[in-house]
């Protein structure tokens, strides 16, 4: 019935009303077998007894998983659970149900964490698969077909769908990312005096046409083309 009182260097002291016990050379932070010295003393009679014993220290505590209950992943991107999880010790992390990002939607799965000693912990999570960053820009442009506005407002409104607040002259949109020769839907088409939003297959959404209307037309138009801008995230 002794209780821990203190530790000095390599000696741990335990006491009760009548007894005092000293344990020497026990390292509870190191897993495995250890030989330790134990000395017991009757505090009333001062009678002492000592012995050397073999102690096996085991890790029986499961790792602690730190992760949000809901994770957002992008469509068609490889899902790696290690990007979203941290453990309080070394171990491996897997999911009990693979997350398919081919289609948008919600997936319910569990995180399984296993430490070196074989202890396992689990956490249920929800993964929301959303359209990727650039596709959301393209979709926002398509949603504006028929709207009466100039070309810069079309692109500005499209970028706002991913939280980018920017408005300027057509050439100013060159500052939003690098030029690319391999455009994807969501890239910005910059011309001399004009700007549009690429949607794939050689087509773009243009604002400011036919009396300021927003419409779909070829990337090749009557304005001198400068290049495709792949927006920085």
Protein backbone atom coordinates (compact mmCIF):
# COMPACT_ATOMS: atom_id res chain seq x y z
CA UNK A 1 0.00 0.00 0.00
CA UNK A 2 2.96 2.36 -0.39
CA UNK A 3 2.56 5.44 -2.59
CA UNK A 4 5.14 7.26 -4.67
CA UNK A 5 6.74 10.19 -2.83
CA UNK A 6 9.77 11.40 -4.77
CA UNK A 7 12.57 10.52 -7.14
CA UNK A 8 16.23 11.55 -6.82
CA UNK A 9 18.57 10.59 -9.64
CA UNK A 10 18.08 6.83 -10.10
CA UNK A 11 16.19 6.15 -6.84
CA UNK A 12 12.40 6.24 -6.47
CA UNK A 13 10.93 6.44 -2.97
CA UNK A 14 7.54 5.03 -1.95
CA UNK A 15 5.97 5.35 1.50
CA UNK A 16 3.00 4.42 3.62
CA UNK A 17 2.31 5.12 7.28
CA UNK A 18 4.48 2.22 8.42
CA UNK A 19 6.83 1.48 5.54
CA UNK A 20 9.37 3.15 3.26
CA UNK A 21 10.55 1.51 0.06
CA UNK A 22 13.44 2.58 -2.18
CA UNK A 23 13.65 1.29 -5.76
CA UNK A 24 17.02 1.80 -7.47
CA UNK A 25 17.86 1.70 -11.21
CA UNK A 26 14.29 1.37 -12.50
CA UNK A 27 13.76 3.32 -15.75
CA UNK A 28 10.07 3.22 -16.58
CA UNK A 29 10.68 5.12 -19.83
CA UNK A 30 12.73 2.26 -21.30
CA UNK A 31 10.85 -0.80 -22.51
CA UNK A 32 12.40 -4.20 -21.72
CA UNK A 33 13.83 -6.26 -18.86
CA UNK A 34 15.77 -4.50 -16.10
CA UNK A 35 17.44 -5.59 -12.87
CA UNK A 36 16.57 -3.29 -9.99
CA UNK A 37 17.40 -3.11 -6.29
CA UNK A 38 14.58 -2.82 -3.76
CA UNK A 39 15.03 -1.88 -0.11
CA UNK A 40 12.16 -1.96 2.36
CA UNK A 41 12.14 -0.44 5.82
CA UNK A 42 9.67 -0.75 8.69
CA UNK A 43 9.48 2.82 9.96
CA UNK A 44 8.42 1.70 13.44
CA UNK A 45 11.05 -0.98 14.05
CA UNK A 46 13.73 0.17 11.57
CA UNK A 47 13.87 -3.41 10.29
CA UNK A 48 15.17 -3.51 6.71
CA UNK A 49 15.05 -6.02 3.89
CA UNK A 50 16.51 -5.76 0.39
CA UNK A 51 16.47 -7.78 -2.81
CA UNK A 52 17.41 -7.64 -6.50
CA UNK A 53 14.54 -8.39 -8.85
CA UNK A 54 14.00 -8.57 -12.60
CA UNK A 55 11.41 -6.13 -13.88
CA UNK A 56 9.89 -6.14 -17.34
CA UNK A 57 8.76 -2.69 -18.44
CA UNK A 58 6.02 -2.78 -21.08
CA UNK A 59 4.38 -0.06 -23.16
CA UNK A 60 0.64 -0.62 -22.89
CA UNK A 61 -0.52 2.89 -23.78
CA UNK A 62 -2.04 3.43 -27.22
CA UNK A 63 -0.82 6.43 -29.25
CA UNK A 64 -2.83 9.65 -29.10
CA UNK A 65 -4.23 10.73 -32.48
CA UNK A 66 -4.49 14.44 -33.23
CA UNK A 67 -6.69 15.13 -36.24
CA UNK A 68 -9.74 17.19 -37.17
CA UNK A 69 -13.06 15.33 -37.13
CA UNK A 70 -13.75 16.55 -40.67
CA UNK A 71 -11.11 16.75 -43.41
CA UNK A 72 -11.45 18.45 -46.79
CA UNK A 73 -9.69 16.80 -49.74
CA UNK A 74 -9.59 17.80 -53.40
CA UNK A 75 -11.04 15.80 -56.25
CA UNK A 76 -8.57 13.65 -58.23
CA UNK A 77 -5.70 14.30 -55.82
CA UNK A 78 -4.00 11.38 -54.06
CA UNK A 79 -5.28 11.18 -50.47
CA UNK A 80 -2.54 10.79 -47.85
CA UNK A 81 -3.85 10.61 -44.28
CA UNK A 82 -0.39 11.47 -42.93
CA UNK A 83 -0.89 15.05 -44.16
CA UNK A 84 -3.69 15.52 -41.64
CA UNK A 85 -2.62 13.43 -38.62
CA UNK A 86 0.01 13.69 -35.89
CA UNK A 87 0.81 11.22 -33.09
CA UNK A 88 2.36 11.79 -29.68
CA UNK A 89 4.93 9.04 -30.40
CA UNK A 90 6.43 7.16 -33.33
CA UNK A 91 4.00 4.93 -35.14
CA UNK A 92 2.14 4.18 -38.35
CA UNK A 93 -1.15 5.66 -39.50
CA UNK A 94 -3.64 4.06 -41.90
CA UNK A 95 -7.32 4.40 -42.75
CA UNK A 96 -9.72 1.49 -42.45
CA UNK A 97 -11.54 2.52 -45.64
CA UNK A 98 -9.70 4.01 -48.60
CA UNK A 99 -10.76 7.50 -49.65
CA UNK A 100 -11.58 7.62 -53.37
CA UNK A 101 -11.20 11.18 -54.63
CA UNK A 102 -12.41 10.39 -58.15
CA UNK A 103 -15.84 11.81 -57.33
CA UNK A 104 -16.93 14.59 -55.01
CA UNK A 105 -18.89 13.69 -51.90
CA UNK A 106 -18.54 12.57 -48.29
CA UNK A 107 -16.64 9.51 -47.08
CA UNK A 108 -16.76 8.16 -43.50
CA UNK A 109 -13.72 6.21 -42.39
CA UNK A 110 -11.52 5.55 -39.35
CA UNK A 111 -7.90 6.38 -38.62
CA UNK A 112 -5.89 3.50 -37.17
CA UNK A 113 -2.65 4.38 -35.37
CA UNK A 114 -0.19 1.71 -34.20
CA UNK A 115 2.95 2.33 -32.13
CA UNK A 116 6.15 0.26 -32.00
CA UNK A 117 4.82 -1.83 -29.10
CA UNK A 118 1.74 -2.81 -31.10
CA UNK A 119 -0.74 -0.63 -29.20
CA UNK A 120 -3.57 0.57 -31.43
CA UNK A 121 -5.91 3.55 -31.27
CA UNK A 122 -8.70 4.59 -33.63
CA UNK A 123 -10.54 7.77 -34.51
CA UNK A 124 -13.58 8.17 -36.74
CA UNK A 125 -13.38 10.96 -39.32
CA UNK A 126 -15.39 12.38 -42.20
CA UNK A 127 -13.66 13.30 -45.46
CA UNK A 128 -15.35 15.81 -47.75
CA UNK A 129 -14.08 15.49 -51.32
CA UNK A 130 -14.49 18.80 -53.13
CA UNK A 131 -13.72 19.98 -56.64
CA UNK A 132 -10.13 21.04 -56.91
CA UNK A 133 -8.98 24.63 -56.56
CA UNK A 134 -8.70 25.39 -60.28
CA UNK A 135 -11.92 23.64 -61.27
CA UNK A 136 -13.80 25.78 -58.76
CA UNK A 137 -12.45 28.88 -60.52
CA UNK A 138 -13.57 27.52 -63.91
CA UNK A 139 -17.01 26.56 -62.56
CA UNK A 140 -17.44 30.06 -61.13
CA UNK A 141 -16.71 31.51 -64.58
CA UNK A 142 -19.22 29.20 -66.24
CA UNK A 143 -21.84 30.25 -63.68
CA UNK A 144 -21.58 33.81 -64.99
CA UNK A 145 -22.54 33.03 -68.60
CA UNK A 146 -25.01 35.67 -69.75
CA UNK A 147 -24.06 38.21 -67.07
CA UNK A 148 -23.42 41.74 -68.37
CA UNK A 149 -19.98 42.79 -67.12
CA UNK A 150 -16.53 43.57 -68.44
CA UNK A 151 -13.73 41.02 -68.77
CA UNK A 152 -11.91 41.98 -65.57
CA UNK A 153 -15.02 41.59 -63.40
CA UNK A 154 -15.59 38.11 -64.85
CA UNK A 155 -12.12 36.99 -63.75
CA UNK A 156 -12.34 38.80 -60.41
CA UNK A 157 -15.66 37.13 -59.59
CA UNK A 158 -14.27 33.74 -60.60
CA UNK A 159 -11.24 34.10 -58.34
CA UNK A 160 -13.46 35.13 -55.44
CA UNK A 161 -14.88 31.58 -55.47
CA UNK A 162 -11.56 30.35 -54.04
CA UNK A 163 -11.01 33.28 -51.69
CA UNK A 164 -8.76 35.40 -53.92
CA UNK A 165 -9.76 39.06 -53.80
CA UNK A 166 -8.13 40.85 -56.72
CA UNK A 167 -9.19 43.36 -59.35
CA UNK A 168 -7.15 45.33 -61.84
CA UNK A 169 -6.39 46.01 -65.48
CA UNK A 170 -6.00 42.93 -67.73
CA UNK A 171 -2.20 42.93 -67.54
CA UNK A 172 -2.34 43.11 -63.73
CA UNK A 173 -3.58 39.50 -63.60
CA UNK A 174 -0.12 38.40 -64.74
CA UNK A 175 1.01 39.00 -61.15
CA UNK A 176 -1.20 36.22 -59.76
CA UNK A 177 0.98 33.30 -60.86
CA UNK A 178 3.48 31.91 -63.35
CA UNK A 179 2.85 31.59 -67.07
CA UNK A 180 2.29 28.04 -68.28
CA UNK A 181 2.25 26.24 -71.64
CA UNK A 182 0.05 23.47 -70.22
CA UNK A 183 -3.12 25.21 -69.14
CA UNK A 184 -5.81 23.58 -67.00
CA UNK A 185 -9.40 24.76 -66.48
CA UNK A 186 -9.23 27.67 -64.07
CA UNK A 187 -6.13 29.30 -65.54
CA UNK A 188 -6.35 32.93 -66.61
CA UNK A 189 -5.94 33.89 -70.27
CA UNK A 190 -4.21 37.26 -70.50
CA UNK A 191 -4.23 39.31 -73.69
CA UNK A 192 -3.19 42.83 -74.58
CA UNK A 193 -6.14 44.81 -73.25
CA UNK A 194 -8.27 41.74 -72.41
CA UNK A 195 -8.50 38.87 -69.91
CA UNK A 196 -10.55 35.65 -69.86
CA UNK A 197 -10.89 32.39 -67.93
CA UNK A 198 -9.77 29.09 -69.50
CA UNK A 199 -12.28 26.18 -69.23
CA UNK A 200 -10.49 23.52 -71.29
CA UNK A 201 -10.51 22.20 -74.87
CA UNK A 202 -9.21 25.49 -76.25
CA UNK A 203 -12.18 27.45 -74.93
CA UNK A 204 -12.50 30.28 -72.43
CA UNK A 205 -15.19 32.33 -70.76
CA UNK A 206 -14.96 35.94 -71.91
CA UNK A 207 -16.59 38.96 -70.33
CA UNK A 208 -17.30 42.23 -72.11
CA UNK A 209 -18.47 40.69 -75.41
CA UNK A 210 -21.62 41.42 -77.41
CA UNK A 211 -22.51 44.52 -75.42
CA UNK A 212 -20.60 43.53 -72.27
CA UNK A 213 -22.14 40.07 -72.08
CA UNK A 214 -20.28 37.07 -70.64
CA UNK A 215 -19.98 34.18 -73.08
CA UNK A 216 -17.95 31.12 -74.09
CA UNK A 217 -15.60 31.55 -77.02
CA UNK A 218 -12.31 30.19 -78.28
CA UNK A 219 -9.09 31.18 -76.50
CA UNK A 220 -8.04 32.52 -79.89
CA UNK A 221 -9.78 35.83 -80.30
CA UNK A 222 -9.07 39.19 -81.90
CA UNK A 223 -6.87 40.34 -78.98
CA UNK A 224 -3.08 39.62 -79.05
CA UNK A 225 -2.51 36.70 -76.65
CA UNK A 226 0.16 37.01 -73.92
CA UNK A 227 -0.18 33.71 -72.05
CA UNK A 228 -1.93 31.46 -69.53
CA UNK A 229 -1.50 32.34 -65.85
CA UNK A 230 -1.59 29.42 -63.38
CA UNK A 231 -2.88 31.13 -60.25
CA UNK A 232 -0.86 30.76 -57.04
CA UNK A 233 -2.88 29.06 -54.33
